[in-house]
Structures are given as C-alpha cells and as structure tokens.
Amino acid sequence: MSAGREKEGLSHVGADGAARMVDVSSKPETARMARATGTIRMERATLDAILANGLAKGDVIAVARVAGVLAAKKTAELIPLCHPLPLTDVQIELVPEDDLPGLRATATTRTFGRTGVEIEAISAVCVTLVTVYDMAKAIDKTMLISDVCLLEKRGGRSGDWRR
C-alpha cells in the first residue's frame, strides 16, 4: 500500500501501509450523531414469549437495551483503532416486527467531538441483538441476526449522510 491509499479514503492506513489510529487533534469539535439498525429473526413463539416477558432469564428487551448502551460506551475497547469518545447520548429502540417475525434494534448515538459515532451506533445494535439471542437461545437456536447497517450520520468534515 502506498500513500495513495489515504487519498482513496482509507484514513486508517498510513503512508507505509501500516494500520494506525487517525490523528483528529486538528479537527474542530462539532455535534455528531449516528443511527444504525439491524434485525433478529426468530420463531413466532419466541417473539411471543419475549413480548410476554415469559423467558426464564427475565426481561429480554430491557436487558438488551442496557447491553446496547454499554456496548456503545465500550466500543473503543473492542475496535482497535476507534477513539474513546465521551458520548452525550445513546438511545436503543427494540421493537417487534411481525413480518419477520422478530425484533428490530435501532441505536442512536451522539457526542460533541472531533470524530464520528457511527461505530458506536453499529456496535450498540450488534450487542443489543446478540443479547436477545443469548437470552432466548434456550427456546430458539434458529434465530438469525442480519441487516446491520448505518442509517445516517450527521456532523464532521464529510457532512451528513443518509442511507
């Protein structure tokens, strides 16, 4: 890899081709927001049990939401080149979707800083959905986590983006 890789948009690759954390110290602090989503498909009976709070491990939706918030806060500890960020807000929405059947998780993350919060939002969605799987796996091992993606981001040098 050459210095040209940076010009192609791979900011985590240095001129020598080595992976690196991006230096954001010269960037201005701005309001940042990101929203991500994903789904977990399951048997109809599993969704019904979750919605009725009928699983032995407890309130799946409440625990999964808390796990998602924690994941957003811990993202820099899991993703090697992410900057640790002082998040100002993390919201996790976990709603049933009968047509799957299953649940859709949406995470919204915010900060006021020099780098974006997209990875925090995606991490929050992933851990929210994995927590649902963990709590319901005793009754349904067929659950499928999918469609995890960034929906939108706001702020920063690259501006706003929406899927």
C-alpha atoms as a PDB file:
ATOM      1  CA  MET A   1       0.000   0.000   0.000  1.00  0.00           C
ATOM      2  CA  SER A   2       1.195   3.468  -0.714  1.00  0.00           C
ATOM      3  CA  ALA A   3       0.488   6.994   0.442  1.00  0.00           C
ATOM      4  CA  GLY A   4      -2.137   6.978  -2.286  1.00  0.00           C
ATOM      5  CA  ARG A   5      -4.319   4.726  -0.115  1.00  0.00           C
ATOM      6  CA  GLU A   6      -5.016   7.663   2.184  1.00  0.00           C
ATOM      7  CA  LYS A   7      -6.161   9.657  -0.821  1.00  0.00           C
ATOM      8  CA  GLU A   8      -8.540   6.825  -1.710  1.00  0.00           C
ATOM      9  CA  GLY A   9     -10.298   7.229   1.609  1.00  0.00           C
ATOM     10  CA  LEU A  10      -8.617   4.666   3.856  1.00  0.00           C
ATOM     11  CA  SER A  11      -7.649   7.029   6.633  1.00  0.00           C
ATOM     12  CA  HIS A  12      -6.628   4.194   8.973  1.00  0.00           C
ATOM     13  CA  VAL A  13      -3.769   3.214   6.661  1.00  0.00           C
ATOM     14  CA  GLY A  14      -0.552   5.224   6.921  1.00  0.00           C
ATOM     15  CA  ALA A  15       1.850   6.090   4.113  1.00  0.00           C
ATOM     16  CA  ASP A  16       3.880   2.979   4.957  1.00  0.00           C
ATOM     17  CA  GLY A  17       0.804   0.740   4.681  1.00  0.00           C
ATOM     18  CA  ALA A  18       0.544   0.125   8.421  1.00  0.00           C
ATOM     19  CA  ALA A  19      -2.750   0.361  10.258  1.00  0.00           C
ATOM     20  CA  ARG A  20      -2.929   3.420  12.502  1.00  0.00           C
ATOM     21  CA  MET A  21      -5.296   5.448  14.600  1.00  0.00           C
ATOM     22  CA  VAL A  22      -6.235   8.647  12.790  1.00  0.00           C
ATOM     23  CA  ASP A  23      -4.936  11.842  14.407  1.00  0.00           C
ATOM     24  CA  VAL A  24      -8.025  14.013  14.898  1.00  0.00           C
ATOM     25  CA  SER A  25      -6.376  16.613  17.134  1.00  0.00           C
ATOM     26  CA  SER A  26      -6.543  19.347  14.466  1.00  0.00           C
ATOM     27  CA  LYS A  27     -10.197  18.747  13.610  1.00  0.00           C
ATOM     28  CA  PRO A  28     -12.789  21.093  15.081  1.00  0.00           C
ATOM     29  CA  GLU A  29     -15.247  19.766  17.630  1.00  0.00           C
ATOM     30  CA  THR A  30     -18.758  19.539  16.201  1.00  0.00           C
ATOM     31  CA  ALA A  31     -22.042  17.899  17.111  1.00  0.00           C
ATOM     32  CA  ARG A  32     -22.040  14.307  15.853  1.00  0.00           C
ATOM     33  CA  MET A  33     -24.908  11.834  15.522  1.00  0.00           C
ATOM     34  CA  ALA A  34     -25.223   8.367  14.046  1.00  0.00           C
ATOM     35  CA  ARG A  35     -28.137   5.963  13.720  1.00  0.00           C
ATOM     36  CA  ALA A  36     -27.805   2.246  12.923  1.00  0.00           C
ATOM     37  CA  THR A  37     -30.227  -0.649  12.714  1.00  0.00           C
ATOM     38  CA  GLY A  38     -30.406  -4.428  12.497  1.00  0.00           C
ATOM     39  CA  THR A  39     -32.820  -7.299  12.974  1.00  0.00           C
ATOM     40  CA  ILE A  40     -33.094 -10.649  14.664  1.00  0.00           C
ATOM     41  CA  ARG A  41     -35.491 -13.137  13.116  1.00  0.00           C
ATOM     42  CA  MET A  42     -36.980 -15.890  15.261  1.00  0.00           C
ATOM     43  CA  GLU A  43     -39.827 -18.344  15.600  1.00  0.00           C
ATOM     44  CA  ARG A  44     -43.193 -16.678  16.214  1.00  0.00           C
ATOM     45  CA  ALA A  45     -43.470 -18.446  19.581  1.00  0.00           C
ATOM     46  CA  THR A  46     -40.108 -16.987  20.626  1.00  0.00           C
ATOM     47  CA  LEU A  47     -41.229 -13.464  19.791  1.00  0.00           C
ATOM     48  CA  ASP A  48     -44.465 -14.040  21.689  1.00  0.00           C
ATOM     49  CA  ALA A  49     -42.537 -15.287  24.748  1.00  0.00           C
ATOM     50  CA  ILE A  50     -40.224 -12.262  24.658  1.00  0.00           C
ATOM     51  CA  LEU A  51     -43.131  -9.837  24.361  1.00  0.00           C
ATOM     52  CA  ALA A  52     -44.965 -11.578  27.221  1.00  0.00           C
ATOM     53  CA  ASN A  53     -41.797 -11.385  29.355  1.00  0.00           C
ATOM     54  CA  GLY A  54     -42.038 -15.137  29.683  1.00  0.00           C
ATOM     55  CA  LEU A  55     -38.408 -16.220  29.497  1.00  0.00           C
ATOM     56  CA  ALA A  56     -36.505 -17.641  32.467  1.00  0.00           C
ATOM     57  CA  LYS A  57     -33.658 -15.121  32.087  1.00  0.00           C
ATOM     58  CA  GLY A  58     -36.014 -12.179  32.555  1.00  0.00           C
ATOM     59  CA  ASP A  59     -36.996  -9.079  30.585  1.00  0.00           C
ATOM     60  CA  VAL A  60     -35.196  -9.612  27.277  1.00  0.00           C
ATOM     61  CA  ILE A  61     -35.965  -6.189  25.831  1.00  0.00           C
ATOM     62  CA  ALA A  62     -34.866  -4.242  28.923  1.00  0.00           C
ATOM     63  CA  VAL A  63     -31.633  -6.204  29.317  1.00  0.00           C
ATOM     64  CA  ALA A  64     -30.828  -5.960  25.595  1.00  0.00           C
ATOM     65  CA  ARG A  65     -31.313  -2.172  25.646  1.00  0.00           C
ATOM     66  CA  VAL A  66     -28.925  -1.791  28.579  1.00  0.00           C
ATOM     67  CA  ALA A  67     -26.403  -4.066  26.850  1.00  0.00           C
ATOM     68  CA  GLY A  68     -26.609  -1.874  23.741  1.00  0.00           C
ATOM     69  CA  VAL A  69     -25.884   1.265  25.747  1.00  0.00           C
ATOM     70  CA  LEU A  70     -22.923  -0.438  27.397  1.00  0.00           C
ATOM     71  CA  ALA A  71     -21.609  -1.597  24.007  1.00  0.00           C
ATOM     72  CA  ALA A  72     -21.694   1.948  22.635  1.00  0.00           C
ATOM     73  CA  LYS A  73     -19.747   3.157  25.670  1.00  0.00           C
ATOM     74  CA  LYS A  74     -17.161   0.348  25.345  1.00  0.00           C
ATOM     75  CA  THR A  75     -16.649   0.486  21.570  1.00  0.00           C
ATOM     76  CA  ALA A  76     -13.079   1.834  21.734  1.00  0.00           C
ATOM     77  CA  GLU A  77     -12.153  -1.147  23.929  1.00  0.00           C
ATOM     78  CA  LEU A  78     -13.405  -3.588  21.278  1.00  0.00           C
ATOM     79  CA  ILE A  79     -12.489  -1.956  17.959  1.00  0.00           C
ATOM     80  CA  PRO A  80      -8.726  -1.353  17.984  1.00  0.00           C
ATOM     81  CA  LEU A  81      -8.493   1.904  16.008  1.00  0.00           C
ATOM     82  CA  CYS A  82     -11.613   3.641  17.378  1.00  0.00           C
ATOM     83  CA  HIS A  83     -11.119   6.721  19.503  1.00  0.00           C
ATOM     84  CA  PRO A  84     -12.598   6.640  23.005  1.00  0.00           C
ATOM     85  CA  LEU A  85     -15.463   9.122  22.901  1.00  0.00           C
ATOM     86  CA  PRO A  86     -17.415  10.974  25.561  1.00  0.00           C
ATOM     87  CA  LEU A  87     -20.882  10.008  24.389  1.00  0.00           C
ATOM     88  CA  THR A  88     -23.544  12.555  25.262  1.00  0.00           C
ATOM     89  CA  ASP A  89     -26.474  10.275  24.426  1.00  0.00           C
ATOM     90  CA  VAL A  90     -27.205   6.667  23.489  1.00  0.00           C
ATOM     91  CA  GLN A  91     -30.752   5.581  22.704  1.00  0.00           C
ATOM     92  CA  ILE A  92     -31.700   1.993  21.922  1.00  0.00           C
ATOM     93  CA  GLU A  93     -35.067   1.167  20.406  1.00  0.00           C
ATOM     94  CA  LEU A  94     -36.054  -2.502  20.213  1.00  0.00           C
ATOM     95  CA  VAL A  95     -39.402  -3.091  18.543  1.00  0.00           C
ATOM     96  CA  PRO A  96     -41.267  -6.166  17.361  1.00  0.00           C
ATOM     97  CA  GLU A  97     -41.774  -6.696  13.647  1.00  0.00           C
ATOM     98  CA  ASP A  98     -44.453  -9.272  12.988  1.00  0.00           C
ATOM     99  CA  ASP A  99     -43.485  -9.752   9.341  1.00  0.00           C
ATOM    100  CA  LEU A 100     -40.022 -11.114  10.281  1.00  0.00           C
ATOM    101  CA  PRO A 101     -41.119 -12.366  12.886  1.00  0.00           C
ATOM    102  CA  GLY A 102     -38.577 -10.841  15.220  1.00  0.00           C
ATOM    103  CA  LEU A 103     -37.191  -7.621  16.607  1.00  0.00           C
ATOM    104  CA  ARG A 104     -35.596  -4.557  15.030  1.00  0.00           C
ATOM    105  CA  ALA A 105     -32.937  -2.727  17.011  1.00  0.00           C
ATOM    106  CA  THR A 106     -32.127   0.903  16.265  1.00  0.00           C
ATOM    107  CA  ALA A 107     -29.354   2.741  18.075  1.00  0.00           C
ATOM    108  CA  THR A 108     -28.794   6.490  18.035  1.00  0.00           C
ATOM    109  CA  THR A 109     -25.518   7.831  19.390  1.00  0.00           C
ATOM    110  CA  ARG A 110     -24.425  11.432  19.948  1.00  0.00           C
ATOM    111  CA  THR A 111     -21.337  13.328  21.009  1.00  0.00           C
ATOM    112  CA  PHE A 112     -19.711  16.702  20.619  1.00  0.00           C
ATOM    113  CA  GLY A 113     -16.231  15.946  19.396  1.00  0.00           C
ATOM    114  CA  ARG A 114     -13.626  15.554  16.674  1.00  0.00           C
ATOM    115  CA  THR A 115     -14.707  12.195  15.292  1.00  0.00           C
ATOM    116  CA  GLY A 116     -17.970  10.452  14.485  1.00  0.00           C
ATOM    117  CA  VAL A 117     -20.062   7.958  16.413  1.00  0.00           C
ATOM    118  CA  GLU A 118     -21.006   5.559  13.614  1.00  0.00           C
ATOM    119  CA  ILE A 119     -19.105   2.594  15.018  1.00  0.00           C
ATOM    120  CA  GLU A 120     -20.633   3.167  18.445  1.00  0.00           C
ATOM    121  CA  ALA A 121     -24.130   3.008  16.920  1.00  0.00           C
ATOM    122  CA  ILE A 122     -23.316  -0.147  14.944  1.00  0.00           C
ATOM    123  CA  SER A 123     -21.701  -1.783  17.999  1.00  0.00           C
ATOM    124  CA  ALA A 124     -24.765  -0.941  20.081  1.00  0.00           C
ATOM    125  CA  VAL A 125     -27.072  -2.605  17.548  1.00  0.00           C
ATOM    126  CA  CYS A 126     -24.907  -5.723  17.327  1.00  0.00           C
ATOM    127  CA  VAL A 127     -24.654  -6.237  21.082  1.00  0.00           C
ATOM    128  CA  THR A 128     -28.362  -5.498  21.561  1.00  0.00           C
ATOM    129  CA  LEU A 129     -29.216  -8.249  19.081  1.00  0.00           C
ATOM    130  CA  VAL A 130     -26.635 -10.713  20.441  1.00  0.00           C
ATOM    131  CA  THR A 131     -28.096 -10.156  23.920  1.00  0.00           C
ATOM    132  CA  VAL A 132     -31.561 -11.053  22.620  1.00  0.00           C
ATOM    133  CA  TYR A 133     -30.059 -14.209  21.139  1.00  0.00           C
ATOM    134  CA  ASP A 134     -28.307 -15.074  24.403  1.00  0.00           C
ATOM    135  CA  MET A 135     -31.441 -14.621  26.470  1.00  0.00           C
ATOM    136  CA  ALA A 136     -33.718 -16.621  24.136  1.00  0.00           C
ATOM    137  CA  LYS A 137     -31.372 -19.296  22.799  1.00  0.00           C
ATOM    138  CA  ALA A 138     -32.729 -21.908  25.210  1.00  0.00           C
ATOM    139  CA  ILE A 139     -36.040 -21.926  23.336  1.00  0.00           C
ATOM    140  CA  ASP A 140     -34.899 -20.974  19.803  1.00  0.00           C
ATOM    141  CA  LYS A 141     -31.470 -21.703  18.348  1.00  0.00           C
ATOM    142  CA  THR A 142     -32.655 -20.798  14.837  1.00  0.00           C
ATOM    143  CA  MET A 143     -32.585 -17.032  15.456  1.00  0.00           C
ATOM    144  CA  LEU A 144     -30.823 -15.052  12.733  1.00  0.00           C
ATOM    145  CA  ILE A 145     -29.168 -11.672  13.214  1.00  0.00           C
ATOM    146  CA  SER A 146     -28.987  -9.693   9.973  1.00  0.00           C
ATOM    147  CA  ASP A 147     -29.296  -6.424   8.124  1.00  0.00           C
ATOM    148  CA  VAL A 148     -26.999  -4.474  10.467  1.00  0.00           C
ATOM    149  CA  CYS A 149     -26.175  -1.172   8.817  1.00  0.00           C
ATOM    150  CA  LEU A 150     -25.648   2.525   9.293  1.00  0.00           C
ATOM    151  CA  LEU A 151     -28.813   4.501   8.539  1.00  0.00           C
ATOM    152  CA  GLU A 152     -27.449   8.012   8.882  1.00  0.00           C
ATOM    153  CA  LYS A 153     -24.714  10.175  10.318  1.00  0.00           C
ATOM    154  CA  ARG A 154     -24.509  13.893  10.946  1.00  0.00           C
ATOM    155  CA  GLY A 155     -21.626  16.251  11.532  1.00  0.00           C
ATOM    156  CA  GLY A 156     -17.961  16.340  10.760  1.00  0.00           C
ATOM    157  CA  ARG A 157     -15.900  17.207   7.733  1.00  0.00           C
ATOM    158  CA  SER A 158     -17.708  14.770   5.434  1.00  0.00           C
ATOM    159  CA  GLY A 159     -21.082  16.243   6.391  1.00  0.00           C
ATOM    160  CA  ASP A 160     -24.393  14.490   6.649  1.00  0.00           C
ATOM    161  CA  TRP A 161     -25.130  11.109   5.082  1.00  0.00           C
ATOM    162  CA  ARG A 162     -28.317   9.067   4.887  1.00  0.00           C
ATOM    163  CA  ARG A 163     -28.935   5.575   3.503  1.00  0.00           C
END
